Amino acid sequence: MKLAILAIGAHPDDVELGCGATIAKEISLGKKVGILDLTKGELGTRGSAKIRAEEAKNGANILGVSIRENLGFADGFFVNDEKHQLEIIKIIRKYKPEIVLCNAIDDRHIDHSKGSKLVSDACFLSGLVKIKTELNGFNQEAWRPKFVYHYIQWKNIEPDFVVDVSGFIDKKMEAVKAYSSQFYDPNSEEPSSPISSKNFLDSVLYRAQDLGRLVGVEFAEGFNTERYVAVNSFDNLV
């Protein structure tokens, strides 16, 4: 299966939080979108790897993605080295996405910036024909995504561009709330965490509202890019 977009996150729920509405919009336009989680989120303060796997499945179903895979890297301890790069390269070559969405370039959680650089490097290396990979006993062809974009997470990073996601924010919030072990629940007896407060859950919505306000739409999601974003004409700009 060839994907138009592969969204990659260090942990299950990163993608939903960072670009869930954009994914929902692209799928509504007929694009095939997949999600790749690098870890199982096993070091999370709340829940467990098993619970989060089920939540990730529910989140994927809500968004309507074509595939979701998990590489099982060590939460908190994965590194940007050849071993980890090759595993991501295999997935990139398997699905041949035109666009890769990945973690924030800088963030509170160390896995986010690590994952951001790891994925970016793997996208470049995936295009080198002398790097050989196999999947299910077959040699893979080199493939380099045309674009790598970084979604925004905990920190209020200034985006390089935003996507109008008006009409899709409810789908995003539904997918986020599929991770009931992680986010605000007044009846939960689990330890509190920076993302378990009502303030954090509300911030997901009001960030999208604020970015939308700044560009004259109802809701928007922001991204950073590693290269210039080009348009055919001014008519392409909102």
C-alpha atoms as a PDB file:
ATOM      1  CA  MET A   1       0.000   0.000   0.000  1.00  0.00           C
ATOM      2  CA  LYS A   2       1.312   3.424  -0.955  1.00  0.00           C
ATOM      3  CA  LEU A   3       0.515   6.232   1.460  1.00  0.00           C
ATOM      4  CA  ALA A   4       0.194   9.911   0.662  1.00  0.00           C
ATOM      5  CA  ILE A   5       1.089  10.818   4.248  1.00  0.00           C
ATOM      6  CA  LEU A   6       2.856   8.933   7.042  1.00  0.00           C
ATOM      7  CA  ALA A   7       2.496  10.575  10.450  1.00  0.00           C
ATOM      8  CA  ILE A   8       5.118   9.456  12.945  1.00  0.00           C
ATOM      9  CA  GLY A   9       5.148   9.987  16.705  1.00  0.00           C
ATOM     10  CA  ALA A  10       7.499   8.997  19.499  1.00  0.00           C
ATOM     11  CA  HIS A  11       4.529   7.846  21.579  1.00  0.00           C
ATOM     12  CA  PRO A  12       0.975   6.721  20.924  1.00  0.00           C
ATOM     13  CA  ASP A  13      -1.153   9.920  21.115  1.00  0.00           C
ATOM     14  CA  ASP A  14       1.597  12.261  19.797  1.00  0.00           C
ATOM     15  CA  VAL A  15       0.103  12.213  16.315  1.00  0.00           C
ATOM     16  CA  GLU A  16      -3.474  12.745  17.475  1.00  0.00           C
ATOM     17  CA  LEU A  17      -2.436  15.694  19.635  1.00  0.00           C
ATOM     18  CA  GLY A  18      -0.097  17.275  17.099  1.00  0.00           C
ATOM     19  CA  CYS A  19      -1.873  16.840  13.780  1.00  0.00           C
ATOM     20  CA  GLY A  20      -5.055  14.824  14.275  1.00  0.00           C
ATOM     21  CA  ALA A  21      -7.308  17.373  12.571  1.00  0.00           C
ATOM     22  CA  THR A  22      -4.979  17.699   9.583  1.00  0.00           C
ATOM     23  CA  ILE A  23      -4.993  13.921   9.174  1.00  0.00           C
ATOM     24  CA  ALA A  24      -8.786  13.806   9.370  1.00  0.00           C
ATOM     25  CA  LYS A  25      -9.037  16.547   6.729  1.00  0.00           C
ATOM     26  CA  GLU A  26      -6.589  14.865   4.348  1.00  0.00           C
ATOM     27  CA  ILE A  27      -8.443  11.557   4.665  1.00  0.00           C
ATOM     28  CA  SER A  28     -11.716  13.336   3.869  1.00  0.00           C
ATOM     29  CA  LEU A  29     -10.044  14.544   0.665  1.00  0.00           C
ATOM     30  CA  GLY A  30      -9.341  10.957  -0.361  1.00  0.00           C
ATOM     31  CA  LYS A  31      -5.716  10.709   0.796  1.00  0.00           C
ATOM     32  CA  LYS A  32      -4.339   7.482   2.259  1.00  0.00           C
ATOM     33  CA  VAL A  33      -2.738   8.260   5.612  1.00  0.00           C
ATOM     34  CA  GLY A  34      -0.888   6.005   8.043  1.00  0.00           C
ATOM     35  CA  ILE A  35       0.520   6.358  11.554  1.00  0.00           C
ATOM     36  CA  LEU A  36       3.782   4.963  12.912  1.00  0.00           C
ATOM     37  CA  ASP A  37       4.454   5.020  16.655  1.00  0.00           C
ATOM     38  CA  LEU A  38       8.104   4.636  17.622  1.00  0.00           C
ATOM     39  CA  THR A  39       7.496   3.396  21.197  1.00  0.00           C
ATOM     40  CA  LYS A  40       4.664   1.875  23.185  1.00  0.00           C
ATOM     41  CA  GLY A  41       4.753   4.705  25.715  1.00  0.00           C
ATOM     42  CA  GLU A  42       5.594   2.235  28.469  1.00  0.00           C
ATOM     43  CA  LEU A  43       7.236   4.846  30.701  1.00  0.00           C
ATOM     44  CA  GLY A  44       4.129   7.009  30.831  1.00  0.00           C
ATOM     45  CA  THR A  45       3.030   8.077  34.326  1.00  0.00           C
ATOM     46  CA  ARG A  46      -0.490   6.805  33.712  1.00  0.00           C
ATOM     47  CA  GLY A  47      -1.847   3.707  32.044  1.00  0.00           C
ATOM     48  CA  SER A  48       0.293   0.918  30.574  1.00  0.00           C
ATOM     49  CA  ALA A  49       1.683  -0.200  27.239  1.00  0.00           C
ATOM     50  CA  LYS A  50      -1.215  -2.637  26.875  1.00  0.00           C
ATOM     51  CA  ILE A  51      -3.840   0.025  27.582  1.00  0.00           C
ATOM     52  CA  ARG A  52      -2.191   2.509  25.261  1.00  0.00           C
ATOM     53  CA  ALA A  53      -2.061  -0.047  22.447  1.00  0.00           C
ATOM     54  CA  GLU A  54      -5.831  -0.400  22.669  1.00  0.00           C
ATOM     55  CA  GLU A  55      -6.269   3.357  22.857  1.00  0.00           C
ATOM     56  CA  ALA A  56      -4.026   3.785  19.806  1.00  0.00           C
ATOM     57  CA  LYS A  57      -6.208   1.360  17.886  1.00  0.00           C
ATOM     58  CA  ASN A  58      -9.299   3.337  18.845  1.00  0.00           C
ATOM     59  CA  GLY A  59      -7.650   6.631  17.908  1.00  0.00           C
ATOM     60  CA  ALA A  60      -6.683   5.249  14.503  1.00  0.00           C
ATOM     61  CA  ASN A  61     -10.227   4.026  13.881  1.00  0.00           C
ATOM     62  CA  ILE A  62     -11.685   7.415  14.775  1.00  0.00           C
ATOM     63  CA  LEU A  63      -9.362   9.232  12.370  1.00  0.00           C
ATOM     64  CA  GLY A  64      -9.854   6.601   9.686  1.00  0.00           C
ATOM     65  CA  VAL A  65      -6.188   5.964   8.889  1.00  0.00           C
ATOM     66  CA  SER A  66      -5.265   3.120   6.558  1.00  0.00           C
ATOM     67  CA  ILE A  67      -2.552   1.595   8.768  1.00  0.00           C
ATOM     68  CA  ARG A  68      -0.995   2.021  12.193  1.00  0.00           C
ATOM     69  CA  GLU A  69       2.230   0.298  13.214  1.00  0.00           C
ATOM     70  CA  ASN A  70       4.481   0.417  16.267  1.00  0.00           C
ATOM     71  CA  LEU A  71       8.255  -0.145  16.106  1.00  0.00           C
ATOM     72  CA  GLY A  72       8.577  -0.929  19.814  1.00  0.00           C
ATOM     73  CA  PHE A  73      11.609   1.269  20.442  1.00  0.00           C
ATOM     74  CA  ALA A  74      12.537   1.798  24.106  1.00  0.00           C
ATOM     75  CA  ASP A  75      10.473   4.649  25.526  1.00  0.00           C
ATOM     76  CA  GLY A  76      12.791   7.348  26.840  1.00  0.00           C
ATOM     77  CA  PHE A  77      15.954   5.561  25.723  1.00  0.00           C
ATOM     78  CA  PHE A  78      15.840   5.176  21.945  1.00  0.00           C
ATOM     79  CA  VAL A  79      18.654   6.962  20.131  1.00  0.00           C
ATOM     80  CA  ASN A  80      19.366   8.344  16.691  1.00  0.00           C
ATOM     81  CA  ASP A  81      21.706   5.668  15.384  1.00  0.00           C
ATOM     82  CA  GLU A  82      21.986   3.296  12.433  1.00  0.00           C
ATOM     83  CA  LYS A  83      19.908   0.542  14.054  1.00  0.00           C
ATOM     84  CA  HIS A  84      16.927   2.798  14.721  1.00  0.00           C
ATOM     85  CA  GLN A  85      17.259   4.673  11.436  1.00  0.00           C
ATOM     86  CA  LEU A  86      17.149   1.422   9.455  1.00  0.00           C
ATOM     87  CA  GLU A  87      13.917   0.319  11.118  1.00  0.00           C
ATOM     88  CA  ILE A  88      12.244   3.584  10.123  1.00  0.00           C
ATOM     89  CA  ILE A  89      13.740   3.391   6.630  1.00  0.00           C
ATOM     90  CA  LYS A  90      12.082  -0.014   6.181  1.00  0.00           C
ATOM     91  CA  ILE A  91       8.691   1.522   6.973  1.00  0.00           C
ATOM     92  CA  ILE A  92       9.270   4.522   4.691  1.00  0.00           C
ATOM     93  CA  ARG A  93      10.257   2.231   1.832  1.00  0.00           C
ATOM     94  CA  LYS A  94       7.326  -0.047   2.567  1.00  0.00           C
ATOM     95  CA  TYR A  95       4.677   2.675   2.303  1.00  0.00           C
ATOM     96  CA  LYS A  96       6.449   5.245   0.092  1.00  0.00           C
ATOM     97  CA  PRO A  97       4.782   8.352   1.565  1.00  0.00           C
ATOM     98  CA  GLU A  98       5.042  11.671  -0.265  1.00  0.00           C
ATOM     99  CA  ILE A  99       4.806  13.533   3.050  1.00  0.00           C
ATOM    100  CA  VAL A 100       6.077  12.596   6.504  1.00  0.00           C
ATOM    101  CA  LEU A 101       4.728  14.372   9.592  1.00  0.00           C
ATOM    102  CA  CYS A 102       6.828  13.988  12.742  1.00  0.00           C
ATOM    103  CA  ASN A 103       7.462  15.255  16.248  1.00  0.00           C
ATOM    104  CA  ALA A 104       8.156  18.844  17.265  1.00  0.00           C
ATOM    105  CA  ILE A 105      11.650  20.159  16.603  1.00  0.00           C
ATOM    106  CA  ASP A 106      11.941  21.140  20.294  1.00  0.00           C
ATOM    107  CA  ASP A 107       9.747  20.131  23.207  1.00  0.00           C
ATOM    108  CA  ARG A 108       9.420  19.376  26.915  1.00  0.00           C
ATOM    109  CA  HIS A 109       9.664  15.590  26.488  1.00  0.00           C
ATOM    110  CA  ILE A 110      13.136  14.500  25.347  1.00  0.00           C
ATOM    111  CA  ASP A 111      11.673  11.796  23.074  1.00  0.00           C
ATOM    112  CA  HIS A 112       9.932  14.422  20.954  1.00  0.00           C
ATOM    113  CA  SER A 113      13.019  16.273  19.777  1.00  0.00           C
ATOM    114  CA  LYS A 114      14.947  12.971  19.557  1.00  0.00           C
ATOM    115  CA  GLY A 115      12.171  11.454  17.466  1.00  0.00           C
ATOM    116  CA  SER A 116      12.011  14.550  15.301  1.00  0.00           C
ATOM    117  CA  LYS A 117      15.691  14.346  14.321  1.00  0.00           C
ATOM    118  CA  LEU A 118      15.686  10.554  14.044  1.00  0.00           C
ATOM    119  CA  VAL A 119      12.778  10.550  11.605  1.00  0.00           C
ATOM    120  CA  SER A 120      14.164  13.457   9.601  1.00  0.00           C
ATOM    121  CA  ASP A 121      17.521  11.712   9.218  1.00  0.00           C
ATOM    122  CA  ALA A 122      15.851   8.430   8.279  1.00  0.00           C
ATOM    123  CA  CYS A 123      13.795  10.179   5.587  1.00  0.00           C
ATOM    124  CA  PHE A 124      16.992  11.452   3.971  1.00  0.00           C
ATOM    125  CA  LEU A 125      18.870   8.166   4.271  1.00  0.00           C
ATOM    126  CA  SER A 126      15.904   6.232   2.862  1.00  0.00           C
ATOM    127  CA  GLY A 127      16.609   7.847  -0.505  1.00  0.00           C
ATOM    128  CA  LEU A 128      20.163   6.533  -0.732  1.00  0.00           C
ATOM    129  CA  VAL A 129      20.308   3.537  -3.089  1.00  0.00           C
ATOM    130  CA  LYS A 130      23.436   2.096  -1.488  1.00  0.00           C
ATOM    131  CA  ILE A 131      21.623   1.578   1.823  1.00  0.00           C
ATOM    132  CA  LYS A 132      20.165  -1.893   1.483  1.00  0.00           C
ATOM    133  CA  THR A 133      17.115  -3.035   3.418  1.00  0.00           C
ATOM    134  CA  GLU A 134      14.905  -6.105   3.356  1.00  0.00           C
ATOM    135  CA  LEU A 135      11.317  -6.544   4.450  1.00  0.00           C
ATOM    136  CA  ASN A 136       9.648  -9.958   4.621  1.00  0.00           C
ATOM    137  CA  GLY A 137      12.510 -11.445   2.615  1.00  0.00           C
ATOM    138  CA  PHE A 138      12.340  -8.944  -0.248  1.00  0.00           C
ATOM    139  CA  ASN A 139      14.848  -6.234  -1.132  1.00  0.00           C
ATOM    140  CA  GLN A 140      13.394  -2.741  -0.865  1.00  0.00           C
ATOM    141  CA  GLU A 141      13.784   0.118  -3.307  1.00  0.00           C
ATOM    142  CA  ALA A 142      15.106   3.478  -2.145  1.00  0.00           C
ATOM    143  CA  TRP A 143      12.430   6.073  -1.402  1.00  0.00           C
ATOM    144  CA  ARG A 144      12.688   9.616  -0.067  1.00  0.00           C
ATOM    145  CA  PRO A 145       9.566  11.539   0.982  1.00  0.00           C
ATOM    146  CA  LYS A 146       9.201  14.873  -0.809  1.00  0.00           C
ATOM    147  CA  PHE A 147       8.408  16.773   2.384  1.00  0.00           C
ATOM    148  CA  VAL A 148       9.070  16.407   6.121  1.00  0.00           C
ATOM    149  CA  TYR A 149       6.903  18.587   8.355  1.00  0.00           C
ATOM    150  CA  HIS A 150       7.059  18.844  12.147  1.00  0.00           C
ATOM    151  CA  TYR A 151       3.871  19.298  14.143  1.00  0.00           C
ATOM    152  CA  ILE A 152       3.780  21.384  17.337  1.00  0.00           C
ATOM    153  CA  GLN A 153       3.368  19.797  20.770  1.00  0.00           C
ATOM    154  CA  TRP A 154       3.875  21.113  24.326  1.00  0.00           C
ATOM    155  CA  LYS A 155       5.877  24.248  23.552  1.00  0.00           C
ATOM    156  CA  ASN A 156       4.297  27.140  21.680  1.00  0.00           C
ATOM    157  CA  ILE A 157       6.714  27.048  18.763  1.00  0.00           C
ATOM    158  CA  GLU A 158       6.006  29.612  16.061  1.00  0.00           C
ATOM    159  CA  PRO A 159       4.837  27.660  13.003  1.00  0.00           C
ATOM    160  CA  ASP A 160       6.264  28.130   9.521  1.00  0.00           C
ATOM    161  CA  PHE A 161       2.801  27.478   8.095  1.00  0.00           C
ATOM    162  CA  VAL A 162      -0.624  26.429   9.312  1.00  0.00           C
ATOM    163  CA  VAL A 163      -3.347  24.193   7.918  1.00  0.00           C
ATOM    164  CA  ASP A 164      -6.976  25.293   8.064  1.00  0.00           C
ATOM    165  CA  VAL A 165      -8.698  22.434   9.923  1.00  0.00           C
ATOM    166  CA  SER A 166     -12.081  24.085  10.441  1.00  0.00           C
ATOM    167  CA  GLY A 167     -14.714  21.347  10.510  1.00  0.00           C
ATOM    168  CA  PHE A 168     -12.282  18.677  11.710  1.00  0.00           C
ATOM    169  CA  ILE A 169     -11.424  19.753  15.240  1.00  0.00           C
ATOM    170  CA  ASP A 170     -14.209  17.625  16.752  1.00  0.00           C
ATOM    171  CA  LYS A 171     -12.756  14.530  15.086  1.00  0.00           C
ATOM    172  CA  LYS A 172      -9.327  15.424  16.467  1.00  0.00           C
ATOM    173  CA  MET A 173     -10.638  15.875  20.002  1.00  0.00           C
ATOM    174  CA  GLU A 174     -12.545  12.595  19.798  1.00  0.00           C
ATOM    175  CA  ALA A 175      -9.326  10.823  18.771  1.00  0.00           C
ATOM    176  CA  VAL A 176      -7.368  12.529  21.568  1.00  0.00           C
ATOM    177  CA  LYS A 177      -9.966  11.534  24.148  1.00  0.00           C
ATOM    178  CA  ALA A 178      -9.658   7.913  23.001  1.00  0.00           C
ATOM    179  CA  TYR A 179      -6.564   7.964  25.256  1.00  0.00           C
ATOM    180  CA  SER A 180      -8.673   8.040  28.386  1.00  0.00           C
ATOM    181  CA  SER A 181      -5.814   6.726  30.523  1.00  0.00           C
ATOM    182  CA  GLN A 182      -3.666   9.748  29.678  1.00  0.00           C
ATOM    183  CA  PHE A 183      -5.856  12.809  29.757  1.00  0.00           C
ATOM    184  CA  TYR A 184      -8.209  14.633  32.085  1.00  0.00           C
ATOM    185  CA  ASP A 185     -10.578  12.409  34.041  1.00  0.00           C
ATOM    186  CA  PRO A 186     -11.883  13.825  37.341  1.00  0.00           C
ATOM    187  CA  ASN A 187     -12.653  10.288  38.530  1.00  0.00           C
ATOM    188  CA  SER A 188      -9.229   8.830  37.808  1.00  0.00           C
ATOM    189  CA  GLU A 189      -7.156   7.535  40.729  1.00  0.00           C
ATOM    190  CA  GLU A 190      -3.954   7.476  38.649  1.00  0.00           C
ATOM    191  CA  PRO A 191      -1.061   9.836  39.495  1.00  0.00           C
ATOM    192  CA  SER A 192      -1.312  13.280  37.949  1.00  0.00           C
ATOM    193  CA  SER A 193       0.956  14.241  35.064  1.00  0.00           C
ATOM    194  CA  PRO A 194       1.589  17.400  33.014  1.00  0.00           C
ATOM    195  CA  ILE A 195      -0.890  16.195  30.385  1.00  0.00           C
ATOM    196  CA  SER A 196      -3.622  14.897  32.710  1.00  0.00           C
ATOM    197  CA  SER A 197      -4.950  18.305  33.741  1.00  0.00           C
ATOM    198  CA  LYS A 198      -8.097  19.886  32.330  1.00  0.00           C
ATOM    199  CA  ASN A 199      -5.959  22.878  31.415  1.00  0.00           C
ATOM    200  CA  PHE A 200      -3.846  20.748  29.069  1.00  0.00           C
ATOM    201  CA  LEU A 201      -6.861  19.191  27.344  1.00  0.00           C
ATOM    202  CA  ASP A 202      -8.431  22.616  26.937  1.00  0.00           C
ATOM    203  CA  SER A 203      -5.144  23.953  25.542  1.00  0.00           C
ATOM    204  CA  VAL A 204      -5.297  21.523  22.623  1.00  0.00           C
ATOM    205  CA  LEU A 205      -8.516  23.188  21.536  1.00  0.00           C
ATOM    206  CA  TYR A 206      -7.605  26.777  22.250  1.00  0.00           C
ATOM    207  CA  ARG A 207      -4.255  26.491  20.467  1.00  0.00           C
ATOM    208  CA  ALA A 208      -6.138  25.446  17.329  1.00  0.00           C
ATOM    209  CA  GLN A 209      -8.576  28.313  17.873  1.00  0.00           C
ATOM    210  CA  ASP A 210      -5.779  30.826  18.318  1.00  0.00           C
ATOM    211  CA  LEU A 211      -3.847  29.703  15.248  1.00  0.00           C
ATOM    212  CA  GLY A 212      -7.107  29.866  13.327  1.00  0.00           C
ATOM    213  CA  ARG A 213      -7.746  33.383  14.615  1.00  0.00           C
ATOM    214  CA  LEU A 214      -4.351  34.529  13.405  1.00  0.00           C
ATOM    215  CA  VAL A 215      -5.060  33.443   9.819  1.00  0.00           C
ATOM    216  CA  GLY A 216      -8.757  34.245   9.710  1.00  0.00           C
ATOM    217  CA  VAL A 217     -10.259  30.774   9.981  1.00  0.00           C
ATOM    218  CA  GLU A 218     -12.000  28.923  12.795  1.00  0.00           C
ATOM    219  CA  PHE A 219      -9.291  26.358  13.623  1.00  0.00           C
ATOM    220  CA  ALA A 220      -5.776  25.630  12.392  1.00  0.00           C
ATOM    221  CA  GLU A 221      -2.824  23.346  13.143  1.00  0.00           C
ATOM    222  CA  GLY A 222       0.762  24.577  12.866  1.00  0.00           C
ATOM    223  CA  PHE A 223       3.839  22.959  11.366  1.00  0.00           C
ATOM    224  CA  ASN A 224       7.543  23.650  10.941  1.00  0.00           C
ATOM    225  CA  THR A 225       9.319  22.792   7.720  1.00  0.00           C
ATOM    226  CA  GLU A 226      12.918  21.932   6.875  1.00  0.00           C
ATOM    227  CA  ARG A 227      12.776  23.649   3.483  1.00  0.00           C
ATOM    228  CA  TYR A 228      10.851  26.389   1.744  1.00  0.00           C
ATOM    229  CA  VAL A 229       7.163  25.785   1.145  1.00  0.00           C
ATOM    230  CA  ALA A 230       6.266  26.855  -2.396  1.00  0.00           C
ATOM    231  CA  VAL A 231       2.883  27.714  -3.934  1.00  0.00           C
ATOM    232  CA  ASN A 232       1.910  27.999  -7.593  1.00  0.00           C
ATOM    233  CA  SER A 233       0.314  31.398  -7.135  1.00  0.00           C
ATOM    234  CA  PHE A 234      -1.053  33.775  -4.507  1.00  0.00           C
ATOM    235  CA  ASP A 235      -4.449  32.150  -5.098  1.00  0.00           C
ATOM    236  CA  ASN A 236      -3.216  29.095  -3.196  1.00  0.00           C
ATOM    237  CA  LEU A 237      -2.858  31.118  -0.010  1.00  0.00           C
ATOM    238  CA  VAL A 238      -5.787  31.317   2.404  1.00  0.00           C
END
